[in-house]
């Protein structure tokens, strides 16, 4: 069972059944955490009744695709954030909800694709701050979520740089594959932006001094550090989004330039080919013409074809039309 009991800042017990939570939450010296993964409506209703959770908050857990947010109720907070997960190259965010009471934290995961074990490692690594109760536990959860998003935006940045290199390579590239890669990256970035942009507001609400549930002057700098990472992620995401748009426009400009080059060369060759067509057509008329029936007429037409064609080729080559 994903459960923990801290008493006066010391981890006393873990792995106990959720049914025992009610035995500990009444003691203000205790801080309790437990985790639910894909719970049933009945499970949520039981937890809500046990901790006095607002029915609207419980209803939000059952509703899919909630926007990252913080809702403030009389005796608890309700948070919705998203972990990052990839499924066959497609970003598939994992919704994580949290109920925050005075001395209890309840995490509700949409699926096990969100690794709650990594959050436990963060709590264990910072156990010297465990005496700050729920504020400490919630910070560990948000810190892991935001760091995951920060790592992902760095990966997106590397992919964008690789695309830039491919875009300006002199060697021929697979245009269809490049276009597909750019499309997939833009789609993932759009999904990523939806879950990162509201995080600025989420952490900002938690930093408010009038927020009594987790207001702790010692933990405030740690939340400010999370907020700083959130700001960096959102700004980085926006810059990458703009860069991808510029790359798309550059790609279209490259294709237009290449098409113009091809049309220029085709037109130039068509002009050269038109010369022998015009001259031989003139000599093929059924009317008397200079050199008719004479050998020099053949040589004259051949010479005209060769001289004019070479002259056009030289002129076009000099103008870089060929």
C-alpha atoms as a PDB file:
ATOM      1  CA  UNK A   1       0.000   0.000   0.000  1.00  0.00           C
ATOM      2  CA  UNK A   2       1.254   3.500  -0.826  1.00  0.00           C
ATOM      3  CA  UNK A   3       0.751   5.024   2.604  1.00  0.00           C
ATOM      4  CA  UNK A   4       2.991   6.891   5.021  1.00  0.00           C
ATOM      5  CA  UNK A   5       2.706   8.283   8.540  1.00  0.00           C
ATOM      6  CA  UNK A   6       4.996  11.027   9.797  1.00  0.00           C
ATOM      7  CA  UNK A   7       4.908  11.982  13.452  1.00  0.00           C
ATOM      8  CA  UNK A   8       6.667  15.166  14.514  1.00  0.00           C
ATOM      9  CA  UNK A   9       8.680  15.090  11.301  1.00  0.00           C
ATOM     10  CA  UNK A  10       9.809  11.473  11.614  1.00  0.00           C
ATOM     11  CA  UNK A  11       8.628   8.661   9.359  1.00  0.00           C
ATOM     12  CA  UNK A  12       7.003   6.211  11.753  1.00  0.00           C
ATOM     13  CA  UNK A  13       5.028   3.876   9.540  1.00  0.00           C
ATOM     14  CA  UNK A  14       4.358   3.071   5.885  1.00  0.00           C
ATOM     15  CA  UNK A  15       2.539   0.489   3.843  1.00  0.00           C
ATOM     16  CA  UNK A  16      -0.412   0.312   6.196  1.00  0.00           C
ATOM     17  CA  UNK A  17      -3.998  -0.161   4.898  1.00  0.00           C
ATOM     18  CA  UNK A  18      -5.858   2.985   3.915  1.00  0.00           C
ATOM     19  CA  UNK A  19      -8.605   2.032   6.337  1.00  0.00           C
ATOM     20  CA  UNK A  20      -6.246   2.953   9.200  1.00  0.00           C
ATOM     21  CA  UNK A  21      -5.821   6.548   8.002  1.00  0.00           C
ATOM     22  CA  UNK A  22      -8.784   7.726  10.048  1.00  0.00           C
ATOM     23  CA  UNK A  23      -6.973   6.534  13.190  1.00  0.00           C
ATOM     24  CA  UNK A  24      -4.115   8.986  12.569  1.00  0.00           C
ATOM     25  CA  UNK A  25      -5.531  12.159  11.006  1.00  0.00           C
ATOM     26  CA  UNK A  26      -7.222  13.320  14.203  1.00  0.00           C
ATOM     27  CA  UNK A  27      -3.836  13.785  15.875  1.00  0.00           C
ATOM     28  CA  UNK A  28      -2.326  17.106  14.756  1.00  0.00           C
ATOM     29  CA  UNK A  29       1.174  15.791  15.450  1.00  0.00           C
ATOM     30  CA  UNK A  30       0.693  13.295  12.617  1.00  0.00           C
ATOM     31  CA  UNK A  31       1.039  13.909   8.895  1.00  0.00           C
ATOM     32  CA  UNK A  32      -0.517  11.238   6.689  1.00  0.00           C
ATOM     33  CA  UNK A  33      -0.093  10.527   3.012  1.00  0.00           C
ATOM     34  CA  UNK A  34      -1.759   7.881   0.919  1.00  0.00           C
ATOM     35  CA  UNK A  35      -2.062   7.281  -2.791  1.00  0.00           C
ATOM     36  CA  UNK A  36      -4.900   6.033  -4.977  1.00  0.00           C
ATOM     37  CA  UNK A  37      -4.353   4.800  -8.528  1.00  0.00           C
ATOM     38  CA  UNK A  38      -7.388   4.645 -10.833  1.00  0.00           C
ATOM     39  CA  UNK A  39      -9.846   4.513  -7.911  1.00  0.00           C
ATOM     40  CA  UNK A  40     -13.511   3.695  -8.301  1.00  0.00           C
ATOM     41  CA  UNK A  41     -16.198   6.308  -7.542  1.00  0.00           C
ATOM     42  CA  UNK A  42     -17.053   4.343  -4.415  1.00  0.00           C
ATOM     43  CA  UNK A  43     -13.449   4.532  -3.170  1.00  0.00           C
ATOM     44  CA  UNK A  44     -13.364   8.279  -3.732  1.00  0.00           C
ATOM     45  CA  UNK A  45     -16.700   8.768  -2.014  1.00  0.00           C
ATOM     46  CA  UNK A  46     -15.449   6.882   1.034  1.00  0.00           C
ATOM     47  CA  UNK A  47     -12.240   8.953   1.189  1.00  0.00           C
ATOM     48  CA  UNK A  48     -14.196  12.160   0.704  1.00  0.00           C
ATOM     49  CA  UNK A  49     -16.527  11.334   3.562  1.00  0.00           C
ATOM     50  CA  UNK A  50     -13.632  10.307   5.821  1.00  0.00           C
ATOM     51  CA  UNK A  51     -11.645  13.532   5.290  1.00  0.00           C
ATOM     52  CA  UNK A  52     -14.574  15.881   4.745  1.00  0.00           C
ATOM     53  CA  UNK A  53     -13.674  16.659   1.129  1.00  0.00           C
ATOM     54  CA  UNK A  54     -15.912  18.893  -0.943  1.00  0.00           C
ATOM     55  CA  UNK A  55     -18.171  17.043  -3.361  1.00  0.00           C
ATOM     56  CA  UNK A  56     -17.132  19.268  -6.276  1.00  0.00           C
ATOM     57  CA  UNK A  57     -13.486  18.349  -5.725  1.00  0.00           C
ATOM     58  CA  UNK A  58     -14.338  14.653  -5.674  1.00  0.00           C
ATOM     59  CA  UNK A  59     -16.385  15.144  -8.833  1.00  0.00           C
ATOM     60  CA  UNK A  60     -13.422  16.795 -10.578  1.00  0.00           C
ATOM     61  CA  UNK A  61     -11.305  13.704  -9.967  1.00  0.00           C
ATOM     62  CA  UNK A  62     -13.849  11.606 -11.838  1.00  0.00           C
ATOM     63  CA  UNK A  63     -13.917  14.073 -14.756  1.00  0.00           C
ATOM     64  CA  UNK A  64     -11.194  13.540 -17.366  1.00  0.00           C
ATOM     65  CA  UNK A  65      -8.937  16.196 -18.904  1.00  0.00           C
ATOM     66  CA  UNK A  66      -9.116  18.762 -16.136  1.00  0.00           C
ATOM     67  CA  UNK A  67      -7.029  21.891 -16.564  1.00  0.00           C
ATOM     68  CA  UNK A  68      -4.078  22.207 -14.118  1.00  0.00           C
ATOM     69  CA  UNK A  69      -5.493  24.251 -11.264  1.00  0.00           C
ATOM     70  CA  UNK A  70      -5.825  24.879  -7.540  1.00  0.00           C
ATOM     71  CA  UNK A  71      -9.252  25.046  -5.935  1.00  0.00           C
ATOM     72  CA  UNK A  72      -9.497  26.435  -2.408  1.00  0.00           C
ATOM     73  CA  UNK A  73     -12.202  25.030  -0.138  1.00  0.00           C
ATOM     74  CA  UNK A  74     -12.975  25.699   3.487  1.00  0.00           C
ATOM     75  CA  UNK A  75     -10.895  22.890   4.981  1.00  0.00           C
ATOM     76  CA  UNK A  76      -8.706  21.678   2.121  1.00  0.00           C
ATOM     77  CA  UNK A  77      -7.079  22.420  -1.225  1.00  0.00           C
ATOM     78  CA  UNK A  78      -7.621  20.508  -4.425  1.00  0.00           C
ATOM     79  CA  UNK A  79      -4.873  20.424  -7.066  1.00  0.00           C
ATOM     80  CA  UNK A  80      -4.690  19.020 -10.571  1.00  0.00           C
ATOM     81  CA  UNK A  81      -1.315  18.640 -12.268  1.00  0.00           C
ATOM     82  CA  UNK A  82       0.054  16.408 -15.017  1.00  0.00           C
ATOM     83  CA  UNK A  83       3.003  14.097 -15.286  1.00  0.00           C
ATOM     84  CA  UNK A  84       4.578  13.507 -18.688  1.00  0.00           C
ATOM     85  CA  UNK A  85       4.417  10.140 -20.418  1.00  0.00           C
ATOM     86  CA  UNK A  86       5.077   9.033 -23.993  1.00  0.00           C
ATOM     87  CA  UNK A  87       3.092   6.377 -25.805  1.00  0.00           C
ATOM     88  CA  UNK A  88       4.480   5.376 -29.240  1.00  0.00           C
ATOM     89  CA  UNK A  89       6.162   8.740 -29.668  1.00  0.00           C
ATOM     90  CA  UNK A  90       3.032  10.675 -28.676  1.00  0.00           C
ATOM     91  CA  UNK A  91       2.848  12.727 -25.486  1.00  0.00           C
ATOM     92  CA  UNK A  92       0.193  11.225 -23.228  1.00  0.00           C
ATOM     93  CA  UNK A  93      -0.022  13.311 -20.017  1.00  0.00           C
ATOM     94  CA  UNK A  94      -1.001  11.546 -16.819  1.00  0.00           C
ATOM     95  CA  UNK A  95      -3.452  13.422 -14.599  1.00  0.00           C
ATOM     96  CA  UNK A  96      -2.506  13.592 -10.927  1.00  0.00           C
ATOM     97  CA  UNK A  97      -4.922  15.066  -8.405  1.00  0.00           C
ATOM     98  CA  UNK A  98      -4.130  15.953  -4.811  1.00  0.00           C
ATOM     99  CA  UNK A  99      -6.276  16.722  -1.794  1.00  0.00           C
ATOM    100  CA  UNK A 100      -4.422  18.802   0.789  1.00  0.00           C
ATOM    101  CA  UNK A 101      -5.767  19.075   4.313  1.00  0.00           C
ATOM    102  CA  UNK A 102      -4.099  20.431   7.432  1.00  0.00           C
ATOM    103  CA  UNK A 103      -2.239  17.205   8.143  1.00  0.00           C
ATOM    104  CA  UNK A 104      -3.006  14.875   5.227  1.00  0.00           C
ATOM    105  CA  UNK A 105      -2.083  14.612   1.564  1.00  0.00           C
ATOM    106  CA  UNK A 106      -4.056  12.353  -0.760  1.00  0.00           C
ATOM    107  CA  UNK A 107      -2.713  11.771  -4.277  1.00  0.00           C
ATOM    108  CA  UNK A 108      -4.969  10.302  -6.941  1.00  0.00           C
ATOM    109  CA  UNK A 109      -3.246   9.098 -10.111  1.00  0.00           C
ATOM    110  CA  UNK A 110      -5.005   8.507 -13.390  1.00  0.00           C
ATOM    111  CA  UNK A 111      -2.741   5.531 -14.105  1.00  0.00           C
ATOM    112  CA  UNK A 112       0.514   3.969 -12.969  1.00  0.00           C
ATOM    113  CA  UNK A 113       2.376   5.731 -15.788  1.00  0.00           C
ATOM    114  CA  UNK A 114       3.091   8.388 -13.176  1.00  0.00           C
ATOM    115  CA  UNK A 115       5.926   6.948 -11.072  1.00  0.00           C
ATOM    116  CA  UNK A 116       4.977   7.702  -7.479  1.00  0.00           C
ATOM    117  CA  UNK A 117       8.150   5.908  -6.388  1.00  0.00           C
ATOM    118  CA  UNK A 118      10.228   8.845  -7.619  1.00  0.00           C
ATOM    119  CA  UNK A 119       8.225  11.164  -5.383  1.00  0.00           C
ATOM    120  CA  UNK A 120       8.964   8.910  -2.414  1.00  0.00           C
ATOM    121  CA  UNK A 121      12.681   9.144  -3.213  1.00  0.00           C
ATOM    122  CA  UNK A 122      12.470  12.937  -3.093  1.00  0.00           C
ATOM    123  CA  UNK A 123      10.764  12.817   0.270  1.00  0.00           C
ATOM    124  CA  UNK A 124      13.435  10.475   1.607  1.00  0.00           C
ATOM    125  CA  UNK A 125      16.238  12.647   0.221  1.00  0.00           C
ATOM    126  CA  UNK A 126      14.809  15.758   1.935  1.00  0.00           C
ATOM    127  CA  UNK A 127      13.636  14.124   5.154  1.00  0.00           C
ATOM    128  CA  UNK A 128      15.269  16.889   7.238  1.00  0.00           C
ATOM    129  CA  UNK A 129      12.311  19.065   6.152  1.00  0.00           C
ATOM    130  CA  UNK A 130       9.686  16.451   7.015  1.00  0.00           C
ATOM    131  CA  UNK A 131       8.804  18.346  10.164  1.00  0.00           C
ATOM    132  CA  UNK A 132       6.989  20.899   7.993  1.00  0.00           C
ATOM    133  CA  UNK A 133       4.238  18.385   7.353  1.00  0.00           C
ATOM    134  CA  UNK A 134       1.937  18.679   4.371  1.00  0.00           C
ATOM    135  CA  UNK A 135       3.881  21.625   2.928  1.00  0.00           C
ATOM    136  CA  UNK A 136       6.919  19.356   2.680  1.00  0.00           C
ATOM    137  CA  UNK A 137       4.992  16.503   1.050  1.00  0.00           C
ATOM    138  CA  UNK A 138       3.245  18.725  -1.476  1.00  0.00           C
ATOM    139  CA  UNK A 139       6.537  20.381  -2.412  1.00  0.00           C
ATOM    140  CA  UNK A 140       8.095  16.994  -3.183  1.00  0.00           C
ATOM    141  CA  UNK A 141       5.189  16.113  -5.463  1.00  0.00           C
ATOM    142  CA  UNK A 142       5.244  19.428  -7.350  1.00  0.00           C
ATOM    143  CA  UNK A 143       9.027  19.459  -7.556  1.00  0.00           C
ATOM    144  CA  UNK A 144       9.033  16.061  -9.265  1.00  0.00           C
ATOM    145  CA  UNK A 145       6.241  17.051 -11.675  1.00  0.00           C
ATOM    146  CA  UNK A 146       7.944  20.295 -12.686  1.00  0.00           C
ATOM    147  CA  UNK A 147      11.397  18.699 -12.982  1.00  0.00           C
ATOM    148  CA  UNK A 148       9.924  16.065 -15.296  1.00  0.00           C
ATOM    149  CA  UNK A 149       8.472  18.840 -17.438  1.00  0.00           C
ATOM    150  CA  UNK A 150      11.796  20.688 -17.378  1.00  0.00           C
ATOM    151  CA  UNK A 151      13.641  17.572 -18.565  1.00  0.00           C
ATOM    152  CA  UNK A 152      11.126  17.111 -21.346  1.00  0.00           C
ATOM    153  CA  UNK A 153      11.396  20.674 -22.617  1.00  0.00           C
ATOM    154  CA  UNK A 154      15.173  20.184 -22.748  1.00  0.00           C
ATOM    155  CA  UNK A 155      14.608  17.079 -24.864  1.00  0.00           C
ATOM    156  CA  UNK A 156      12.285  19.058 -27.125  1.00  0.00           C
ATOM    157  CA  UNK A 157      14.997  21.686 -27.485  1.00  0.00           C
ATOM    158  CA  UNK A 158      17.506  19.036 -28.585  1.00  0.00           C
ATOM    159  CA  UNK A 159      15.047  17.705 -31.143  1.00  0.00           C
ATOM    160  CA  UNK A 160      14.448  21.186 -32.523  1.00  0.00           C
ATOM    161  CA  UNK A 161      18.200  21.734 -32.866  1.00  0.00           C
ATOM    162  CA  UNK A 162      18.516  18.436 -34.759  1.00  0.00           C
ATOM    163  CA  UNK A 163      15.699  19.518 -37.069  1.00  0.00           C
ATOM    164  CA  UNK A 164      17.478  22.805 -37.700  1.00  0.00           C
ATOM    165  CA  UNK A 165      20.617  20.927 -38.707  1.00  0.00           C
ATOM    166  CA  UNK A 166      18.616  18.701 -41.064  1.00  0.00           C
ATOM    167  CA  UNK A 167      16.839  21.707 -42.524  1.00  0.00           C
ATOM    168  CA  UNK A 168      20.052  23.315 -43.727  1.00  0.00           C
ATOM    169  CA  UNK A 169      22.047  20.220 -44.662  1.00  0.00           C
ATOM    170  CA  UNK A 170      23.556  20.334 -48.140  1.00  0.00           C
ATOM    171  CA  UNK A 171      22.989  16.628 -48.708  1.00  0.00           C
ATOM    172  CA  UNK A 172      19.495  15.652 -49.902  1.00  0.00           C
ATOM    173  CA  UNK A 173      17.064  14.715 -47.120  1.00  0.00           C
ATOM    174  CA  UNK A 174      13.803  12.835 -47.081  1.00  0.00           C
ATOM    175  CA  UNK A 175      11.306  15.687 -47.257  1.00  0.00           C
ATOM    176  CA  UNK A 176       8.349  13.540 -46.222  1.00  0.00           C
ATOM    177  CA  UNK A 177      10.160  12.203 -43.167  1.00  0.00           C
ATOM    178  CA  UNK A 178      11.285  15.700 -42.164  1.00  0.00           C
ATOM    179  CA  UNK A 179       7.758  17.031 -42.526  1.00  0.00           C
ATOM    180  CA  UNK A 180       6.360  14.155 -40.471  1.00  0.00           C
ATOM    181  CA  UNK A 181       8.939  14.721 -37.724  1.00  0.00           C
ATOM    182  CA  UNK A 182       8.120  18.417 -37.591  1.00  0.00           C
ATOM    183  CA  UNK A 183       4.392  17.676 -37.418  1.00  0.00           C
ATOM    184  CA  UNK A 184       4.787  15.159 -34.576  1.00  0.00           C
ATOM    185  CA  UNK A 185       6.985  17.562 -32.636  1.00  0.00           C
ATOM    186  CA  UNK A 186       4.538  20.447 -33.087  1.00  0.00           C
ATOM    187  CA  UNK A 187       1.682  18.209 -31.938  1.00  0.00           C
ATOM    188  CA  UNK A 188       3.564  17.089 -28.829  1.00  0.00           C
ATOM    189  CA  UNK A 189       4.565  20.668 -28.084  1.00  0.00           C
ATOM    190  CA  UNK A 190       0.933  21.768 -28.314  1.00  0.00           C
ATOM    191  CA  UNK A 191      -0.103  19.072 -25.799  1.00  0.00           C
ATOM    192  CA  UNK A 192       2.838  19.941 -23.569  1.00  0.00           C
ATOM    193  CA  UNK A 193       1.953  23.636 -23.607  1.00  0.00           C
ATOM    194  CA  UNK A 194      -1.574  22.878 -22.344  1.00  0.00           C
ATOM    195  CA  UNK A 195      -0.224  21.232 -19.186  1.00  0.00           C
ATOM    196  CA  UNK A 196       2.653  23.632 -18.476  1.00  0.00           C
ATOM    197  CA  UNK A 197       1.173  27.091 -19.030  1.00  0.00           C
ATOM    198  CA  UNK A 198      -1.374  26.866 -16.137  1.00  0.00           C
ATOM    199  CA  UNK A 199       1.326  25.592 -13.744  1.00  0.00           C
ATOM    200  CA  UNK A 200       2.502  29.146 -13.245  1.00  0.00           C
ATOM    201  CA  UNK A 201      -0.859  30.033 -11.751  1.00  0.00           C
ATOM    202  CA  UNK A 202      -0.965  26.827  -9.681  1.00  0.00           C
ATOM    203  CA  UNK A 203       2.321  27.442  -7.894  1.00  0.00           C
ATOM    204  CA  UNK A 204       1.595  31.164  -7.668  1.00  0.00           C
ATOM    205  CA  UNK A 205      -1.570  30.473  -5.648  1.00  0.00           C
ATOM    206  CA  UNK A 206       0.368  28.236  -3.265  1.00  0.00           C
ATOM    207  CA  UNK A 207       2.910  31.019  -2.680  1.00  0.00           C
ATOM    208  CA  UNK A 208       0.252  33.454  -1.474  1.00  0.00           C
ATOM    209  CA  UNK A 209       0.897  34.475   2.119  1.00  0.00           C
ATOM    210  CA  UNK A 210      -2.784  34.210   3.009  1.00  0.00           C
ATOM    211  CA  UNK A 211      -2.779  30.516   2.144  1.00  0.00           C
ATOM    212  CA  UNK A 212      -2.958  29.058   5.647  1.00  0.00           C
ATOM    213  CA  UNK A 213      -2.932  25.345   4.879  1.00  0.00           C
ATOM    214  CA  UNK A 214       0.626  25.247   3.586  1.00  0.00           C
ATOM    215  CA  UNK A 215       1.888  28.700   4.569  1.00  0.00           C
ATOM    216  CA  UNK A 216       5.343  28.010   5.977  1.00  0.00           C
ATOM    217  CA  UNK A 217       8.171  30.574   5.898  1.00  0.00           C
ATOM    218  CA  UNK A 218      10.776  27.813   5.883  1.00  0.00           C
ATOM    219  CA  UNK A 219       9.230  26.031   2.874  1.00  0.00           C
ATOM    220  CA  UNK A 220       8.510  29.269   0.975  1.00  0.00           C
ATOM    221  CA  UNK A 221      11.958  29.426  -0.719  1.00  0.00           C
ATOM    222  CA  UNK A 222      11.507  25.846  -1.931  1.00  0.00           C
ATOM    223  CA  UNK A 223       8.158  26.705  -3.499  1.00  0.00           C
ATOM    224  CA  UNK A 224       9.735  29.800  -5.052  1.00  0.00           C
ATOM    225  CA  UNK A 225      12.376  27.540  -6.591  1.00  0.00           C
ATOM    226  CA  UNK A 226       9.609  25.386  -8.087  1.00  0.00           C
ATOM    227  CA  UNK A 227       7.938  28.554  -9.372  1.00  0.00           C
ATOM    228  CA  UNK A 228      11.197  29.633 -11.010  1.00  0.00           C
ATOM    229  CA  UNK A 229      11.421  26.285 -12.808  1.00  0.00           C
ATOM    230  CA  UNK A 230       7.807  26.625 -13.921  1.00  0.00           C
ATOM    231  CA  UNK A 231       8.513  30.065 -15.396  1.00  0.00           C
ATOM    232  CA  UNK A 232      11.563  28.739 -17.231  1.00  0.00           C
ATOM    233  CA  UNK A 233       9.593  25.817 -18.628  1.00  0.00           C
ATOM    234  CA  UNK A 234       6.747  28.009 -19.865  1.00  0.00           C
ATOM    235  CA  UNK A 235       9.068  30.587 -21.449  1.00  0.00           C
ATOM    236  CA  UNK A 236      11.179  27.850 -23.023  1.00  0.00           C
ATOM    237  CA  UNK A 237       8.068  26.170 -24.378  1.00  0.00           C
ATOM    238  CA  UNK A 238       6.858  29.406 -25.953  1.00  0.00           C
ATOM    239  CA  UNK A 239      10.239  30.085 -27.573  1.00  0.00           C
ATOM    240  CA  UNK A 240      10.398  26.549 -28.991  1.00  0.00           C
ATOM    241  CA  UNK A 241       6.850  26.919 -30.288  1.00  0.00           C
ATOM    242  CA  UNK A 242       7.828  30.110 -32.114  1.00  0.00           C
ATOM    243  CA  UNK A 243      10.996  28.480 -33.410  1.00  0.00           C
ATOM    244  CA  UNK A 244       9.034  25.540 -34.810  1.00  0.00           C
ATOM    245  CA  UNK A 245       6.681  27.956 -36.559  1.00  0.00           C
ATOM    246  CA  UNK A 246       9.685  29.749 -38.069  1.00  0.00           C
ATOM    247  CA  UNK A 247      11.163  26.424 -39.155  1.00  0.00           C
ATOM    248  CA  UNK A 248       7.915  25.512 -40.864  1.00  0.00           C
ATOM    249  CA  UNK A 249       7.899  28.819 -42.735  1.00  0.00           C
ATOM    250  CA  UNK A 250      11.555  28.323 -43.648  1.00  0.00           C
ATOM    251  CA  UNK A 251      10.777  24.861 -44.973  1.00  0.00           C
ATOM    252  CA  UNK A 252       7.962  26.233 -47.120  1.00  0.00           C
ATOM    253  CA  UNK A 253      10.270  28.994 -48.370  1.00  0.00           C
ATOM    254  CA  UNK A 254      12.912  26.395 -49.231  1.00  0.00           C
ATOM    255  CA  UNK A 255      10.385  24.365 -51.175  1.00  0.00           C
ATOM    256  CA  UNK A 256       9.227  27.476 -53.042  1.00  0.00           C
ATOM    257  CA  UNK A 257      12.812  28.437 -53.823  1.00  0.00           C
ATOM    258  CA  UNK A 258      13.597  24.953 -55.081  1.00  0.00           C
ATOM    259  CA  UNK A 259      10.461  24.975 -57.245  1.00  0.00           C
ATOM    260  CA  UNK A 260      11.527  28.324 -58.723  1.00  0.00           C
ATOM    261  CA  UNK A 261      14.974  26.916 -59.478  1.00  0.00           C
ATOM    262  CA  UNK A 262      13.465  23.906 -61.232  1.00  0.00           C
ATOM    263  CA  UNK A 263      11.062  26.038 -63.249  1.00  0.00           C
ATOM    264  CA  UNK A 264      13.890  28.392 -64.228  1.00  0.00           C
ATOM    265  CA  UNK A 265      15.982  25.512 -65.547  1.00  0.00           C
ATOM    266  CA  UNK A 266      13.069  23.869 -67.329  1.00  0.00           C
ATOM    267  CA  UNK A 267      12.170  27.182 -68.994  1.00  0.00           C
ATOM    268  CA  UNK A 268      15.769  27.753 -70.058  1.00  0.00           C
ATOM    269  CA  UNK A 269      16.043  24.305 -71.646  1.00  0.00           C
ATOM    270  CA  UNK A 270      12.680  24.816 -73.317  1.00  0.00           C
ATOM    271  CA  UNK A 271      14.026  28.052 -74.869  1.00  0.00           C
ATOM    272  CA  UNK A 272      17.121  26.240 -76.159  1.00  0.00           C
ATOM    273  CA  UNK A 273      15.059  23.384 -77.590  1.00  0.00           C
ATOM    274  CA  UNK A 274      12.759  25.898 -79.303  1.00  0.00           C
ATOM    275  CA  UNK A 275      15.648  27.141 -81.494  1.00  0.00           C
ATOM    276  CA  UNK A 276      16.170  23.967 -83.566  1.00  0.00           C
ATOM    277  CA  UNK A 277      12.406  23.488 -83.670  1.00  0.00           C
ATOM    278  CA  UNK A 278      11.930  26.959 -85.198  1.00  0.00           C
ATOM    279  CA  UNK A 279      14.783  26.645 -87.703  1.00  0.00           C
ATOM    280  CA  UNK A 280      13.971  23.126 -88.901  1.00  0.00           C
ATOM    281  CA  UNK A 281      10.326  24.096 -89.069  1.00  0.00           C
ATOM    282  CA  UNK A 282      11.184  26.987 -91.351  1.00  0.00           C
ATOM    283  CA  UNK A 283      13.175  24.743 -93.670  1.00  0.00           C
ATOM    284  CA  UNK A 284      10.353  22.222 -93.760  1.00  0.00           C
ATOM    285  CA  UNK A 285       7.837  24.583 -95.398  1.00  0.00           C
ATOM    286  CA  UNK A 286       6.421  23.623 -98.844  1.00  0.00           C
ATOM    287  CA  UNK A 287       7.447  26.941-100.429  1.00  0.00           C
ATOM    288  CA  UNK A 288      10.693  28.034-102.067  1.00  0.00           C
ATOM    289  CA  UNK A 289      13.337  29.137 -99.577  1.00  0.00           C
ATOM    290  CA  UNK A 290      17.071  30.002 -99.704  1.00  0.00           C
ATOM    291  CA  UNK A 291      19.182  26.855-100.202  1.00  0.00           C
ATOM    292  CA  UNK A 292      16.258  24.701-101.335  1.00  0.00           C
ATOM    293  CA  UNK A 293      17.598  21.523-102.911  1.00  0.00           C
ATOM    294  CA  UNK A 294      21.192  22.654-102.204  1.00  0.00           C
ATOM    295  CA  UNK A 295      23.694  20.998 -99.864  1.00  0.00           C
ATOM    296  CA  UNK A 296      24.674  24.313 -98.340  1.00  0.00           C
ATOM    297  CA  UNK A 297      21.088  24.791 -97.161  1.00  0.00           C
ATOM    298  CA  UNK A 298      21.390  21.745 -94.905  1.00  0.00           C
ATOM    299  CA  UNK A 299      24.729  22.912 -93.570  1.00  0.00           C
ATOM    300  CA  UNK A 300      23.378  26.438 -92.984  1.00  0.00           C
ATOM    301  CA  UNK A 301      20.369  25.234 -90.981  1.00  0.00           C
ATOM    302  CA  UNK A 302      22.570  22.877 -88.946  1.00  0.00           C
ATOM    303  CA  UNK A 303      25.052  25.652 -88.238  1.00  0.00           C
ATOM    304  CA  UNK A 304      22.256  28.022 -87.170  1.00  0.00           C
ATOM    305  CA  UNK A 305      20.856  25.398 -84.796  1.00  0.00           C
ATOM    306  CA  UNK A 306      24.269  24.754 -83.241  1.00  0.00           C
ATOM    307  CA  UNK A 307      25.382  28.391 -82.946  1.00  0.00           C
ATOM    308  CA  UNK A 308      22.129  29.786 -81.554  1.00  0.00           C
ATOM    309  CA  UNK A 309      21.673  26.875 -79.117  1.00  0.00           C
ATOM    310  CA  UNK A 310      25.242  27.220 -77.790  1.00  0.00           C
ATOM    311  CA  UNK A 311      24.838  30.995 -77.533  1.00  0.00           C
ATOM    312  CA  UNK A 312      21.637  30.640 -75.492  1.00  0.00           C
ATOM    313  CA  UNK A 313      23.272  28.025 -73.269  1.00  0.00           C
ATOM    314  CA  UNK A 314      26.217  30.329 -72.552  1.00  0.00           C
ATOM    315  CA  UNK A 315      23.964  33.291 -71.792  1.00  0.00           C
ATOM    316  CA  UNK A 316      21.675  31.261 -69.493  1.00  0.00           C
ATOM    317  CA  UNK A 317      24.645  29.696 -67.725  1.00  0.00           C
ATOM    318  CA  UNK A 318      26.195  33.104 -67.129  1.00  0.00           C
ATOM    319  CA  UNK A 319      22.921  34.348 -65.587  1.00  0.00           C
ATOM    320  CA  UNK A 320      22.751  31.176 -63.435  1.00  0.00           C
ATOM    321  CA  UNK A 321      19.562  30.045 -65.104  1.00  0.00           C
ATOM    322  CA  UNK A 322      21.022  26.603 -65.755  1.00  0.00           C
END
